[in-house]
Amino acid sequence: MEPVNLIVIGNKRFLTSHFKDHGWYRADKIGAVSLSKALVAAIFNRSYRAGPISDSYLAGHHFTLAFEKPTKADTFRRRHHLRLWRTPYKIMGRRVWAGTVSYDRAVGTYEGVLPTHHIAPTLSWEESFLATSLGIHRPRHLTLDESYNGELNNGDTYDYDGKALVLDLSGFDL
C-alpha cells in the first residue's frame, strides 16, 4: 500500500458531495458485477468511471470511502484515485480522515496472473493534481515522515516526500 499522503477534514456527506461536484466518482464496491465490468473496461480500454478500487488496509481496517477521477482519455486503465479511512479523531468537532492518493498509469498482472493497476511513482504529483482538481491553488501539507523510496507488493516503486496534503472540506474555516 502507498503511504498516507492525504488528510481530509469534514463529514462524510459533505466530502462525498464535494468530490462529486468536482468530477470525482465514488468507486463501486468489489463484487462479481463490478469486477466483470472492470475486466471488460480494462481489456477493451473503455471507461468505467466508478470502477472498483482494490482492497487496502490501514492499521488492519479496510478503507471507508474511495473516489476516482477519469483522465482526458476516460479509460479504466488510467485514472486518478484515492482511498479514505475514517479515523476516531476530530478537530473542532469535524471528522478527520487519513488517505492515499495516486495515479493508475496502466493495468497489468501481479505475479503473472492477477490483474492489477500500476501507479505512477511520484505521489506528490498526484497530491498536486487532487488539490488543483478541487480548486485549491495553495495547498497545505503536513510532514508525517522523512522522504523515502518504497515498493508495493506488485513491484511498483514510488517516491514519498514524507508529507500529506491536508484538505479542509468541512465547509468552515478552522
Protein backbone atom coordinates (compact mmCIF):
# COMPACT_ATOMS: atom_id res chain seq x y z
CA MET A 1 0.00 0.00 0.00
CA GLU A 2 1.11 3.54 -0.66
CA PRO A 3 1.91 5.60 2.44
CA VAL A 4 -0.64 8.00 3.89
CA ASN A 5 -0.29 11.18 1.84
CA LEU A 6 -3.71 12.72 2.38
CA ILE A 7 -5.57 14.12 5.40
CA VAL A 8 -9.17 15.26 4.91
CA ILE A 9 -11.30 17.12 7.44
CA GLY A 10 -15.08 17.03 7.10
CA ASN A 11 -18.16 14.87 7.48
CA LYS A 12 -18.80 12.01 5.08
CA ARG A 13 -21.83 13.55 3.38
CA PHE A 14 -20.15 16.90 2.74
CA LEU A 15 -16.89 15.49 1.41
CA THR A 16 -18.74 12.98 -0.80
CA SER A 17 -20.74 15.85 -2.27
CA HIS A 18 -17.62 17.99 -2.68
CA PHE A 19 -15.74 15.31 -4.60
CA LYS A 20 -18.78 14.63 -6.80
CA ASP A 21 -19.15 18.35 -7.58
CA HIS A 22 -15.54 18.37 -8.81
CA GLY A 23 -15.77 15.38 -11.15
CA TRP A 24 -14.71 12.59 -8.78
CA TYR A 25 -16.78 9.39 -8.74
CA ARG A 26 -17.42 7.16 -5.76
CA ALA A 27 -15.88 3.77 -6.54
CA ASP A 28 -18.13 0.73 -6.77
CA LYS A 29 -17.60 -1.95 -4.17
CA ILE A 30 -15.78 -5.06 -5.32
CA GLY A 31 -18.21 -7.78 -6.36
CA ALA A 32 -18.98 -10.10 -9.26
CA VAL A 33 -20.73 -7.41 -11.34
CA SER A 34 -18.18 -4.65 -10.73
CA LEU A 35 -15.26 -6.99 -11.39
CA SER A 36 -16.85 -8.18 -14.65
CA LYS A 37 -17.39 -4.58 -15.76
CA ALA A 38 -13.82 -3.70 -14.77
CA LEU A 39 -12.39 -6.63 -16.72
CA VAL A 40 -14.29 -5.65 -19.88
CA ALA A 41 -13.28 -1.99 -19.45
CA ALA A 42 -9.61 -2.93 -18.97
CA ILE A 43 -9.46 -5.37 -21.90
CA PHE A 44 -11.21 -3.05 -24.37
CA ASN A 45 -9.71 0.16 -22.91
CA ARG A 46 -13.14 1.57 -22.06
CA SER A 47 -14.43 3.91 -19.41
CA TYR A 48 -15.64 2.74 -16.02
CA ARG A 49 -15.79 5.94 -14.01
CA ALA A 50 -16.90 4.23 -10.80
CA GLY A 51 -14.74 1.14 -11.22
CA PRO A 52 -13.78 -0.77 -8.09
CA ILE A 53 -10.57 0.01 -6.27
CA SER A 54 -8.56 -2.87 -4.83
CA ASP A 55 -8.77 -3.63 -1.15
CA SER A 56 -6.34 -1.74 1.03
CA TYR A 57 -5.92 -1.68 4.78
CA LEU A 58 -4.61 0.84 7.28
CA ALA A 59 -3.93 -0.42 10.81
CA GLY A 60 -5.99 -3.51 9.95
CA HIS A 61 -9.01 -1.51 8.74
CA HIS A 62 -10.42 -1.59 5.20
CA PHE A 63 -10.80 1.83 3.59
CA THR A 64 -14.11 3.56 4.27
CA LEU A 65 -14.51 5.57 1.05
CA ALA A 66 -12.86 5.52 -2.37
CA PHE A 67 -13.11 8.01 -5.22
CA GLU A 68 -11.69 8.21 -8.71
CA LYS A 69 -11.46 10.79 -11.45
CA PRO A 70 -11.10 9.84 -15.09
CA THR A 71 -8.30 11.24 -17.21
CA LYS A 72 -8.96 13.01 -20.50
CA ALA A 73 -8.70 9.60 -22.20
CA ASP A 74 -11.56 8.41 -19.93
CA THR A 75 -10.37 4.82 -19.65
CA PHE A 76 -10.36 2.37 -16.74
CA ARG A 77 -6.69 1.66 -17.41
CA ARG A 78 -5.63 5.17 -16.39
CA ARG A 79 -7.31 7.03 -13.56
CA HIS A 80 -6.71 9.18 -10.53
CA HIS A 81 -7.87 7.54 -7.35
CA LEU A 82 -7.92 7.93 -3.60
CA ARG A 83 -8.89 5.92 -0.56
CA LEU A 84 -10.02 7.34 2.77
CA TRP A 85 -10.13 5.77 6.20
CA ARG A 86 -12.38 7.27 8.86
CA THR A 87 -10.32 7.95 11.96
CA PRO A 88 -11.62 8.33 15.52
CA TYR A 89 -10.20 11.86 15.58
CA LYS A 90 -11.94 15.19 15.26
CA ILE A 91 -10.71 18.76 15.00
CA MET A 92 -13.17 21.24 16.47
CA GLY A 93 -15.93 18.65 16.05
CA ARG A 94 -15.03 17.87 12.45
CA ARG A 95 -14.11 14.29 11.39
CA VAL A 96 -10.51 13.59 10.32
CA TRP A 97 -9.86 11.06 7.54
CA ALA A 98 -6.49 9.54 6.58
CA GLY A 99 -5.95 8.63 2.96
CA THR A 100 -3.81 7.73 -0.01
CA VAL A 101 -3.95 9.34 -3.43
CA SER A 102 -2.18 8.02 -6.52
CA TYR A 103 -2.43 7.79 -10.29
CA ASP A 104 -3.04 4.49 -12.07
CA ARG A 105 -0.81 4.70 -15.14
CA ALA A 106 -1.52 1.24 -16.59
CA VAL A 107 -3.05 -2.17 -15.99
CA GLY A 108 -1.03 -5.35 -15.86
CA THR A 109 -0.65 -8.50 -13.87
CA TYR A 110 0.78 -9.30 -10.48
CA GLU A 111 2.90 -12.46 -10.33
CA GLY A 112 1.94 -13.03 -13.97
CA VAL A 113 -1.65 -13.94 -13.13
CA LEU A 114 -3.63 -11.50 -11.00
CA PRO A 115 -4.81 -8.27 -12.67
CA THR A 116 -3.58 -5.06 -11.09
CA HIS A 117 -3.13 -1.37 -11.76
CA HIS A 118 0.37 0.10 -11.81
CA ILE A 119 0.80 3.50 -10.19
CA ALA A 120 2.89 6.47 -11.24
CA PRO A 121 5.92 6.68 -8.95
CA THR A 122 5.76 10.33 -7.82
CA LEU A 123 2.98 10.57 -5.24
CA SER A 124 3.41 14.32 -4.71
CA TRP A 125 2.34 14.96 -8.32
CA GLU A 126 -0.97 13.30 -7.62
CA GLU A 127 -1.41 15.33 -4.44
CA SER A 128 -0.98 18.47 -6.56
CA PHE A 129 -3.46 17.18 -9.13
CA LEU A 130 -6.03 16.46 -6.41
CA ALA A 131 -5.70 19.93 -4.91
CA THR A 132 -6.00 21.61 -8.32
CA SER A 133 -8.98 19.45 -9.31
CA LEU A 134 -10.77 20.65 -6.18
CA GLY A 135 -9.96 24.30 -6.89
CA ILE A 136 -7.30 24.58 -4.18
CA HIS A 137 -4.42 26.68 -5.50
CA ARG A 138 -2.29 26.98 -2.36
CA PRO A 139 -2.49 23.56 -0.74
CA ARG A 140 -1.32 22.87 2.78
CA HIS A 141 0.85 19.92 3.74
CA LEU A 142 1.71 18.20 6.99
CA THR A 143 5.04 16.40 7.42
CA LEU A 144 4.44 12.84 8.61
CA ASP A 145 7.76 11.14 7.90
CA GLU A 146 11.11 11.52 6.18
CA SER A 147 11.29 11.20 2.40
CA TYR A 148 11.90 7.68 1.11
CA ASN A 149 11.50 5.37 -1.87
CA GLY A 150 9.19 2.41 -1.43
CA GLU A 151 7.84 -0.59 -3.25
CA LEU A 152 4.32 -2.01 -3.40
CA ASN A 153 3.55 -5.73 -3.23
CA ASN A 154 3.05 -5.75 -7.03
CA GLY A 155 6.59 -4.46 -7.61
CA ASP A 156 5.68 -0.83 -8.37
CA THR A 157 8.08 1.67 -6.86
CA TYR A 158 7.15 5.09 -5.52
CA ASP A 159 8.78 8.26 -4.21
CA TYR A 160 7.30 9.59 -0.98
CA ASP A 161 8.23 13.07 0.18
CA GLY A 162 7.05 12.36 3.74
CA LYS A 163 4.19 14.85 3.51
CA ALA A 164 0.42 14.60 3.42
CA LEU A 165 -1.85 17.00 1.57
CA VAL A 166 -4.33 18.47 4.08
CA LEU A 167 -7.82 19.27 2.75
CA ASP A 168 -10.39 21.03 4.89
CA LEU A 169 -13.69 20.04 3.31
CA SER A 170 -15.72 20.80 6.42
CA GLY A 171 -17.23 23.88 4.89
CA PHE A 172 -15.91 26.00 7.74
CA ASP A 173 -12.68 27.84 8.48
CA LEU A 174 -10.59 26.16 11.15
